[in-house]
Structure formats: C-alpha cells, structure tokens
Amino acid sequence: VFNLTPDWTIEILSPDQSHTKVTKNILHCLKHGTQIGWLIDPEEKTVFVYHSKQEIEVFDQPDMLLPVPSFVSDLNLTVKDLFAWLLL
C-alpha cells in the first residue's frame, strides 16, 4: 500500500462510467495533495480541469491551452493536441 498521492491525476470518461464517480475520484486526490486533475470527456471533446482549491475550468475549444502541473510547466498542450493524441 502506498500513502502517496499523484501530482497529476487524469481520468478519461468512458460511456459506461458515471461522471459523478470519476469526479469524486479526482476530488479525493485533490483533497490529499494532488496539484491538478483532468477529466477528459471524449464524446464531448471537453476537458474539465480541477485545481487544488477545487476550482473547476472547462476547456472545450480546440485552441485552448490546457493548464498543467508545475513539474511539466514547459508542456504546451491544446485541447486539439490532446484529442489528436488520443486518436478518438
């Protein structure tokens, strides 16, 4: 058993998953020290970004630059780039 939380949590919503359950997982991680969480909704081509203070941002435009944790601050990734990588 590990007592560490990830710096960054990323969840990809599948059609058979509950949005609520996945959101609860992200919020649990944030409560225990995770810097940032992404909930990726492939069907809507949207990324919900959860910050450590439980602020939520919605990224649904292709050219929007996604926020990343401090340890990868040089990563410049747009919504369009992310979904191209996922090959959806």
PDB file of N, CA and C in Angstrom:
ATOM      1  N   VAL A   1       0.844  -1.184   0.000  1.00  0.00           N
ATOM      2  CA  VAL A   1       0.000   0.000   0.000  1.00  0.00           C
ATOM      3  C   VAL A   1       0.885   1.241   0.000  1.00  0.00           C
ATOM      4  N   PHE A   2       0.553   2.168  -0.882  1.00  0.00           N
ATOM      5  CA  PHE A   2       1.283   3.426  -0.977  1.00  0.00           C
ATOM      6  C   PHE A   2       0.471   4.535  -0.317  1.00  0.00           C
ATOM      7  N   ASN A   3       1.133   5.389   0.411  1.00  0.00           N
ATOM      8  CA  ASN A   3       0.471   6.520   1.056  1.00  0.00           C
ATOM      9  C   ASN A   3       0.783   7.831   0.354  1.00  0.00           C
ATOM     10  N   LEU A   4       1.072   7.757  -0.935  1.00  0.00           N
ATOM     11  CA  LEU A   4       1.389   8.940  -1.723  1.00  0.00           C
ATOM     12  C   LEU A   4       0.237   9.244  -2.671  1.00  0.00           C
ATOM     13  N   THR A   5       0.072  10.518  -2.962  1.00  0.00           N
ATOM     14  CA  THR A   5      -0.914  10.895  -3.974  1.00  0.00           C
ATOM     15  C   THR A   5      -0.171  11.352  -5.219  1.00  0.00           C
ATOM     16  N   PRO A   6      -0.789  11.197  -6.385  1.00  0.00           N
ATOM     17  CA  PRO A   6      -0.121  11.658  -7.605  1.00  0.00           C
ATOM     18  C   PRO A   6      -0.083  13.182  -7.658  1.00  0.00           C
ATOM     19  N   ASP A   7       0.898  13.729  -8.354  1.00  0.00           N
ATOM     20  CA  ASP A   7       0.950  15.175  -8.583  1.00  0.00           C
ATOM     21  C   ASP A   7      -0.154  15.611  -9.547  1.00  0.00           C
ATOM     22  N   TRP A   8      -0.513  14.685 -10.451  1.00  0.00           N
ATOM     23  CA  TRP A   8      -1.459  14.981 -11.526  1.00  0.00           C
ATOM     24  C   TRP A   8      -2.303  13.737 -11.727  1.00  0.00           C
ATOM     25  N   THR A   9      -3.603  13.898 -11.715  1.00  0.00           N
ATOM     26  CA  THR A   9      -4.479  12.766 -11.991  1.00  0.00           C
ATOM     27  C   THR A   9      -5.258  13.054 -13.271  1.00  0.00           C
ATOM     28  N   ILE A  10      -5.326  12.044 -14.129  1.00  0.00           N
ATOM     29  CA  ILE A  10      -6.020  12.179 -15.410  1.00  0.00           C
ATOM     30  C   ILE A  10      -7.004  11.025 -15.534  1.00  0.00           C
ATOM     31  N   GLU A  11      -8.258  11.354 -15.749  1.00  0.00           N
ATOM     32  CA  GLU A  11      -9.310  10.352 -15.939  1.00  0.00           C
ATOM     33  C   GLU A  11      -9.918  10.566 -17.316  1.00  0.00           C
ATOM     34  N   ILE A  12     -10.120   9.476 -18.038  1.00  0.00           N
ATOM     35  CA  ILE A  12     -10.799   9.533 -19.335  1.00  0.00           C
ATOM     36  C   ILE A  12     -12.157   8.871 -19.152  1.00  0.00           C
ATOM     37  N   LEU A  13     -13.208   9.636 -19.342  1.00  0.00           N
ATOM     38  CA  LEU A  13     -14.561   9.153 -19.136  1.00  0.00           C
ATOM     39  C   LEU A  13     -14.958   8.202 -20.257  1.00  0.00           C
ATOM     40  N   SER A  14     -15.371   7.008 -19.889  1.00  0.00           N
ATOM     41  CA  SER A  14     -15.869   6.064 -20.888  1.00  0.00           C
ATOM     42  C   SER A  14     -17.398   6.084 -20.839  1.00  0.00           C
ATOM     43  N   PRO A  15     -18.051   5.620 -21.905  1.00  0.00           N
ATOM     44  CA  PRO A  15     -19.517   5.698 -21.957  1.00  0.00           C
ATOM     45  C   PRO A  15     -20.223   4.987 -20.799  1.00  0.00           C
ATOM     46  N   ASP A  16     -19.599   3.971 -20.241  1.00  0.00           N
ATOM     47  CA  ASP A  16     -20.262   3.220 -19.172  1.00  0.00           C
ATOM     48  C   ASP A  16     -19.888   3.698 -17.766  1.00  0.00           C
ATOM     49  N   GLN A  17     -19.132   4.791 -17.665  1.00  0.00           N
ATOM     50  CA  GLN A  17     -18.735   5.320 -16.362  1.00  0.00           C
ATOM     51  C   GLN A  17     -19.657   6.441 -15.915  1.00  0.00           C
ATOM     52  N   SER A  18     -19.771   6.574 -14.617  1.00  0.00           N
ATOM     53  CA  SER A  18     -20.529   7.670 -14.029  1.00  0.00           C
ATOM     54  C   SER A  18     -19.631   8.900 -13.912  1.00  0.00           C
ATOM     55  N   HIS A  19     -20.095  10.013 -14.461  1.00  0.00           N
ATOM     56  CA  HIS A  19     -19.346  11.272 -14.359  1.00  0.00           C
ATOM     57  C   HIS A  19     -19.132  11.616 -12.886  1.00  0.00           C
ATOM     58  N   THR A  20     -20.135  11.366 -12.069  1.00  0.00           N
ATOM     59  CA  THR A  20     -20.052  11.664 -10.634  1.00  0.00           C
ATOM     60  C   THR A  20     -18.967  10.848  -9.956  1.00  0.00           C
ATOM     61  N   LYS A  21     -18.912   9.560 -10.241  1.00  0.00           N
ATOM     62  CA  LYS A  21     -17.918   8.690  -9.601  1.00  0.00           C
ATOM     63  C   LYS A  21     -16.495   9.116  -9.976  1.00  0.00           C
ATOM     64  N   VAL A  22     -16.286   9.413 -11.236  1.00  0.00           N
ATOM     65  CA  VAL A  22     -14.955   9.821 -11.696  1.00  0.00           C
ATOM     66  C   VAL A  22     -14.578  11.170 -11.075  1.00  0.00           C
ATOM     67  N   THR A  23     -15.529  12.082 -10.999  1.00  0.00           N
ATOM     68  CA  THR A  23     -15.275  13.380 -10.366  1.00  0.00           C
ATOM     69  C   THR A  23     -14.908  13.200  -8.899  1.00  0.00           C
ATOM     70  N   LYS A  24     -15.598  12.318  -8.207  1.00  0.00           N
ATOM     71  CA  LYS A  24     -15.279  12.050  -6.800  1.00  0.00           C
ATOM     72  C   LYS A  24     -13.853  11.534  -6.648  1.00  0.00           C
ATOM     73  N   ASN A  25     -13.409  10.692  -7.576  1.00  0.00           N
ATOM     74  CA  ASN A  25     -12.026  10.189  -7.532  1.00  0.00           C
ATOM     75  C   ASN A  25     -11.028  11.344  -7.649  1.00  0.00           C
ATOM     76  N   ILE A  26     -11.288  12.254  -8.573  1.00  0.00           N
ATOM     77  CA  ILE A  26     -10.395  13.405  -8.758  1.00  0.00           C
ATOM     78  C   ILE A  26     -10.395  14.283  -7.508  1.00  0.00           C
ATOM     79  N   LEU A  27     -11.572  14.564  -6.968  1.00  0.00           N
ATOM     80  CA  LEU A  27     -11.666  15.408  -5.770  1.00  0.00           C
ATOM     81  C   LEU A  27     -10.970  14.767  -4.573  1.00  0.00           C
ATOM     82  N   HIS A  28     -11.051  13.449  -4.468  1.00  0.00           N
ATOM     83  CA  HIS A  28     -10.350  12.731  -3.398  1.00  0.00           C
ATOM     84  C   HIS A  28      -8.841  12.960  -3.515  1.00  0.00           C
ATOM     85  N   CYS A  29      -8.317  12.826  -4.723  1.00  0.00           N
ATOM     86  CA  CYS A  29      -6.880  13.048  -4.939  1.00  0.00           C
ATOM     87  C   CYS A  29      -6.492  14.481  -4.585  1.00  0.00           C
ATOM     88  N   LEU A  30      -7.300  15.455  -5.014  1.00  0.00           N
ATOM     89  CA  LEU A  30      -7.007  16.863  -4.727  1.00  0.00           C
ATOM     90  C   LEU A  30      -7.003  17.135  -3.224  1.00  0.00           C
ATOM     91  N   LYS A  31      -7.925  16.509  -2.532  1.00  0.00           N
ATOM     92  CA  LYS A  31      -8.019  16.689  -1.080  1.00  0.00           C
ATOM     93  C   LYS A  31      -6.762  16.197  -0.370  1.00  0.00           C
ATOM     94  N   HIS A  32      -6.078  15.229  -0.992  1.00  0.00           N
ATOM     95  CA  HIS A  32      -4.906  14.620  -0.365  1.00  0.00           C
ATOM     96  C   HIS A  32      -3.584  15.059  -0.989  1.00  0.00           C
ATOM     97  N   GLY A  33      -3.573  16.175  -1.735  1.00  0.00           N
ATOM     98  CA  GLY A  33      -2.310  16.748  -2.174  1.00  0.00           C
ATOM     99  C   GLY A  33      -2.022  16.782  -3.659  1.00  0.00           C
ATOM    100  N   THR A  34      -2.896  16.233  -4.487  1.00  0.00           N
ATOM    101  CA  THR A  34      -2.691  16.297  -5.932  1.00  0.00           C
ATOM    102  C   THR A  34      -2.805  17.754  -6.394  1.00  0.00           C
ATOM    103  N   GLN A  35      -1.904  18.170  -7.306  1.00  0.00           N
ATOM    104  CA  GLN A  35      -1.886  19.562  -7.779  1.00  0.00           C
ATOM    105  C   GLN A  35      -3.046  19.884  -8.715  1.00  0.00           C
ATOM    106  N   ILE A  36      -3.331  18.945  -9.617  1.00  0.00           N
ATOM    107  CA  ILE A  36      -4.297  19.236 -10.678  1.00  0.00           C
ATOM    108  C   ILE A  36      -4.900  17.914 -11.167  1.00  0.00           C
ATOM    109  N   GLY A  37      -6.151  17.978 -11.591  1.00  0.00           N
ATOM    110  CA  GLY A  37      -6.810  16.797 -12.141  1.00  0.00           C
ATOM    111  C   GLY A  37      -7.516  17.143 -13.434  1.00  0.00           C
ATOM    112  N   TRP A  38      -7.435  16.213 -14.369  1.00  0.00           N
ATOM    113  CA  TRP A  38      -8.150  16.372 -15.636  1.00  0.00           C
ATOM    114  C   TRP A  38      -9.210  15.291 -15.733  1.00  0.00           C
ATOM    115  N   LEU A  39     -10.389  15.675 -16.166  1.00  0.00           N
ATOM    116  CA  LEU A  39     -11.424  14.723 -16.544  1.00  0.00           C
ATOM    117  C   LEU A  39     -11.670  14.950 -18.024  1.00  0.00           C
ATOM    118  N   ILE A  40     -11.290  13.974 -18.817  1.00  0.00           N
ATOM    119  CA  ILE A  40     -11.389  14.076 -20.273  1.00  0.00           C
ATOM    120  C   ILE A  40     -12.673  13.388 -20.719  1.00  0.00           C
ATOM    121  N   ASP A  41     -13.523  14.129 -21.422  1.00  0.00           N
ATOM    122  CA  ASP A  41     -14.769  13.588 -21.953  1.00  0.00           C
ATOM    123  C   ASP A  41     -14.629  13.485 -23.471  1.00  0.00           C
ATOM    124  N   PRO A  42     -14.284  12.294 -23.969  1.00  0.00           N
ATOM    125  CA  PRO A  42     -14.052  12.131 -25.408  1.00  0.00           C
ATOM    126  C   PRO A  42     -15.289  12.404 -26.262  1.00  0.00           C
ATOM    127  N   GLU A  43     -16.457  12.052 -25.749  1.00  0.00           N
ATOM    128  CA  GLU A  43     -17.677  12.244 -26.529  1.00  0.00           C
ATOM    129  C   GLU A  43     -17.945  13.726 -26.791  1.00  0.00           C
ATOM    130  N   GLU A  44     -17.696  14.551 -25.803  1.00  0.00           N
ATOM    131  CA  GLU A  44     -17.926  15.992 -25.924  1.00  0.00           C
ATOM    132  C   GLU A  44     -16.680  16.765 -26.350  1.00  0.00           C
ATOM    133  N   LYS A  45     -15.552  16.064 -26.455  1.00  0.00           N
ATOM    134  CA  LYS A  45     -14.258  16.701 -26.756  1.00  0.00           C
ATOM    135  C   LYS A  45     -14.016  17.881 -25.801  1.00  0.00           C
ATOM    136  N   THR A  46     -14.162  17.570 -24.526  1.00  0.00           N
ATOM    137  CA  THR A  46     -14.059  18.565 -23.462  1.00  0.00           C
ATOM    138  C   THR A  46     -13.144  18.046 -22.367  1.00  0.00           C
ATOM    139  N   VAL A  47     -12.389  18.957 -21.755  1.00  0.00           N
ATOM    140  CA  VAL A  47     -11.543  18.615 -20.614  1.00  0.00           C
ATOM    141  C   VAL A  47     -11.971  19.498 -19.445  1.00  0.00           C
ATOM    142  N   PHE A  48     -12.357  18.845 -18.351  1.00  0.00           N
ATOM    143  CA  PHE A  48     -12.656  19.547 -17.111  1.00  0.00           C
ATOM    144  C   PHE A  48     -11.381  19.527 -16.287  1.00  0.00           C
ATOM    145  N   VAL A  49     -10.914  20.698 -15.878  1.00  0.00           N
ATOM    146  CA  VAL A  49      -9.668  20.797 -15.115  1.00  0.00           C
ATOM    147  C   VAL A  49     -10.012  21.210 -13.687  1.00  0.00           C
ATOM    148  N   TYR A  50      -9.577  20.365 -12.759  1.00  0.00           N
ATOM    149  CA  TYR A  50      -9.812  20.585 -11.329  1.00  0.00           C
ATOM    150  C   TYR A  50      -8.495  21.018 -10.699  1.00  0.00           C
ATOM    151  N   HIS A  51      -8.534  22.137  -9.994  1.00  0.00           N
ATOM    152  CA  HIS A  51      -7.341  22.658  -9.327  1.00  0.00           C
ATOM    153  C   HIS A  51      -7.383  22.304  -7.845  1.00  0.00           C
ATOM    154  N   SER A  52      -6.254  22.449  -7.183  1.00  0.00           N
ATOM    155  CA  SER A  52      -6.140  22.033  -5.785  1.00  0.00           C
ATOM    156  C   SER A  52      -7.121  22.752  -4.854  1.00  0.00           C
ATOM    157  N   LYS A  53      -7.546  23.931  -5.208  1.00  0.00           N
ATOM    158  CA  LYS A  53      -8.538  24.637  -4.388  1.00  0.00           C
ATOM    159  C   LYS A  53      -9.953  24.306  -4.847  1.00  0.00           C
ATOM    160  N   GLN A  54     -10.086  23.217  -5.582  1.00  0.00           N
ATOM    161  CA  GLN A  54     -11.338  22.687  -6.101  1.00  0.00           C
ATOM    162  C   GLN A  54     -12.065  23.664  -7.018  1.00  0.00           C
ATOM    163  N   GLU A  55     -11.284  24.517  -7.683  1.00  0.00           N
ATOM    164  CA  GLU A  55     -11.824  25.349  -8.746  1.00  0.00           C
ATOM    165  C   GLU A  55     -11.883  24.476  -9.993  1.00  0.00           C
ATOM    166  N   ILE A  56     -12.927  24.667 -10.791  1.00  0.00           N
ATOM    167  CA  ILE A  56     -13.099  23.856 -11.994  1.00  0.00           C
ATOM    168  C   ILE A  56     -13.134  24.780 -13.204  1.00  0.00           C
ATOM    169  N   GLU A  57     -12.365  24.392 -14.229  1.00  0.00           N
ATOM    170  CA  GLU A  57     -12.384  25.112 -15.503  1.00  0.00           C
ATOM    171  C   GLU A  57     -12.800  24.131 -16.592  1.00  0.00           C
ATOM    172  N   VAL A  58     -13.480  24.640 -17.600  1.00  0.00           N
ATOM    173  CA  VAL A  58     -13.919  23.813 -18.720  1.00  0.00           C
ATOM    174  C   VAL A  58     -13.173  24.258 -19.972  1.00  0.00           C
ATOM    175  N   PHE A  59     -12.553  23.295 -20.638  1.00  0.00           N
ATOM    176  CA  PHE A  59     -11.801  23.550 -21.868  1.00  0.00           C
ATOM    177  C   PHE A  59     -12.474  22.764 -22.988  1.00  0.00           C
ATOM    178  N   ASP A  60     -13.141  23.497 -23.895  1.00  0.00           N
ATOM    179  CA  ASP A  60     -13.884  22.820 -24.954  1.00  0.00           C
ATOM    180  C   ASP A  60     -13.660  23.422 -26.342  1.00  0.00           C
ATOM    181  N   GLN A  61     -12.713  24.342 -26.433  1.00  0.00           N
ATOM    182  CA  GLN A  61     -12.368  24.925 -27.731  1.00  0.00           C
ATOM    183  C   GLN A  61     -11.016  24.376 -28.169  1.00  0.00           C
ATOM    184  N   PRO A  62     -10.869  23.987 -29.439  1.00  0.00           N
ATOM    185  CA  PRO A  62      -9.653  23.310 -29.903  1.00  0.00           C
ATOM    186  C   PRO A  62      -8.346  24.027 -29.589  1.00  0.00           C
ATOM    187  N   ASP A  63      -8.328  25.340 -29.647  1.00  0.00           N
ATOM    188  CA  ASP A  63      -7.068  26.067 -29.454  1.00  0.00           C
ATOM    189  C   ASP A  63      -6.804  26.501 -28.011  1.00  0.00           C
ATOM    190  N   MET A  64      -7.657  26.070 -27.090  1.00  0.00           N
ATOM    191  CA  MET A  64      -7.450  26.425 -25.678  1.00  0.00           C
ATOM    192  C   MET A  64      -6.245  25.667 -25.131  1.00  0.00           C
ATOM    193  N   LEU A  65      -5.363  26.382 -24.465  1.00  0.00           N
ATOM    194  CA  LEU A  65      -4.169  25.792 -23.862  1.00  0.00           C
ATOM    195  C   LEU A  65      -4.534  25.216 -22.496  1.00  0.00           C
ATOM    196  N   LEU A  66      -4.240  23.936 -22.310  1.00  0.00           N
ATOM    197  CA  LEU A  66      -4.584  23.255 -21.060  1.00  0.00           C
ATOM    198  C   LEU A  66      -3.567  23.552 -19.960  1.00  0.00           C
ATOM    199  N   PRO A  67      -4.037  23.819 -18.748  1.00  0.00           N
ATOM    200  CA  PRO A  67      -3.111  24.012 -17.634  1.00  0.00           C
ATOM    201  C   PRO A  67      -2.505  22.674 -17.222  1.00  0.00           C
ATOM    202  N   VAL A  68      -1.266  22.720 -16.801  1.00  0.00           N
ATOM    203  CA  VAL A  68      -0.546  21.508 -16.396  1.00  0.00           C
ATOM    204  C   VAL A  68       0.112  21.751 -15.039  1.00  0.00           C
ATOM    205  N   PRO A  69       0.490  20.678 -14.347  1.00  0.00           N
ATOM    206  CA  PRO A  69       1.170  20.861 -13.057  1.00  0.00           C
ATOM    207  C   PRO A  69       2.548  21.502 -13.224  1.00  0.00           C
ATOM    208  N   SER A  70       3.055  22.030 -12.136  1.00  0.00           N
ATOM    209  CA  SER A  70       4.319  22.773 -12.169  1.00  0.00           C
ATOM    210  C   SER A  70       5.505  21.954 -12.671  1.00  0.00           C
ATOM    211  N   PHE A  71       5.502  20.641 -12.436  1.00  0.00           N
ATOM    212  CA  PHE A  71       6.661  19.851 -12.850  1.00  0.00           C
ATOM    213  C   PHE A  71       6.759  19.654 -14.361  1.00  0.00           C
ATOM    214  N   VAL A  72       5.716  19.999 -15.107  1.00  0.00           N
ATOM    215  CA  VAL A  72       5.765  19.950 -16.580  1.00  0.00           C
ATOM    216  C   VAL A  72       5.330  21.302 -17.159  1.00  0.00           C
ATOM    217  N   SER A  73       5.742  22.362 -16.509  1.00  0.00           N
ATOM    218  CA  SER A  73       5.289  23.703 -16.897  1.00  0.00           C
ATOM    219  C   SER A  73       5.669  24.090 -18.327  1.00  0.00           C
ATOM    220  N   ASP A  74       6.645  23.416 -18.903  1.00  0.00           N
ATOM    221  CA  ASP A  74       7.045  23.710 -20.286  1.00  0.00           C
ATOM    222  C   ASP A  74       6.143  23.036 -21.319  1.00  0.00           C
ATOM    223  N   LEU A  75       5.240  22.169 -20.881  1.00  0.00           N
ATOM    224  CA  LEU A  75       4.348  21.458 -21.791  1.00  0.00           C
ATOM    225  C   LEU A  75       3.244  22.401 -22.262  1.00  0.00           C
ATOM    226  N   ASN A  76       3.192  22.629 -23.557  1.00  0.00           N
ATOM    227  CA  ASN A  76       2.142  23.449 -24.165  1.00  0.00           C
ATOM    228  C   ASN A  76       1.225  22.529 -24.952  1.00  0.00           C
ATOM    229  N   LEU A  77       0.072  22.252 -24.390  1.00  0.00           N
ATOM    230  CA  LEU A  77      -0.847  21.277 -24.966  1.00  0.00           C
ATOM    231  C   LEU A  77      -2.227  21.910 -25.102  1.00  0.00           C
ATOM    232  N   THR A  78      -2.756  21.876 -26.314  1.00  0.00           N
ATOM    233  CA  THR A  78      -4.103  22.398 -26.543  1.00  0.00           C
ATOM    234  C   THR A  78      -5.101  21.250 -26.492  1.00  0.00           C
ATOM    235  N   VAL A  79      -6.366  21.617 -26.430  1.00  0.00           N
ATOM    236  CA  VAL A  79      -7.434  20.619 -26.461  1.00  0.00           C
ATOM    237  C   VAL A  79      -7.325  19.797 -27.745  1.00  0.00           C
ATOM    238  N   LYS A  80      -7.086  20.462 -28.855  1.00  0.00           N
ATOM    239  CA  LYS A  80      -6.957  19.772 -30.145  1.00  0.00           C
ATOM    240  C   LYS A  80      -5.794  18.784 -30.125  1.00  0.00           C
ATOM    241  N   ASP A  81      -4.651  19.197 -29.589  1.00  0.00           N
ATOM    242  CA  ASP A  81      -3.485  18.303 -29.488  1.00  0.00           C
ATOM    243  C   ASP A  81      -3.819  17.065 -28.666  1.00  0.00           C
ATOM    244  N   LEU A  82      -4.462  17.281 -27.529  1.00  0.00           N
ATOM    245  CA  LEU A  82      -4.790  16.169 -26.636  1.00  0.00           C
ATOM    246  C   LEU A  82      -5.665  15.143 -27.333  1.00  0.00           C
ATOM    247  N   PHE A  83      -6.726  15.587 -27.980  1.00  0.00           N
ATOM    248  CA  PHE A  83      -7.631  14.640 -28.625  1.00  0.00           C
ATOM    249  C   PHE A  83      -7.004  14.001 -29.862  1.00  0.00           C
ATOM    250  N   ALA A  84      -6.074  14.671 -30.505  1.00  0.00           N
ATOM    251  CA  ALA A  84      -5.342  14.053 -31.623  1.00  0.00           C
ATOM    252  C   ALA A  84      -4.463  12.919 -31.098  1.00  0.00           C
ATOM    253  N   TRP A  85      -3.846  13.122 -29.935  1.00  0.00           N
ATOM    254  CA  TRP A  85      -3.013  12.075 -29.330  1.00  0.00           C
ATOM    255  C   TRP A  85      -3.846  10.869 -28.923  1.00  0.00           C
ATOM    256  N   LEU A  86      -5.081  11.123 -28.496  1.00  0.00           N
ATOM    257  CA  LEU A  86      -5.938  10.028 -28.051  1.00  0.00           C
ATOM    258  C   LEU A  86      -6.537   9.248 -29.215  1.00  0.00           C
ATOM    259  N   LEU A  87      -6.421   9.778 -30.413  1.00  0.00           N
ATOM    260  CA  LEU A  87      -6.925   9.111 -31.622  1.00  0.00           C
ATOM    261  C   LEU A  87      -8.394   8.753 -31.507  1.00  0.00           C
ATOM    262  N   LEU A  88      -9.187   9.728 -31.137  1.00  0.00           N
ATOM    263  CA  LEU A  88     -10.625   9.490 -30.967  1.00  0.00           C
ATOM    264  C   LEU A  88     -11.387   9.840 -32.209  1.00  0.00           C
TER     265      LEU A  88
END
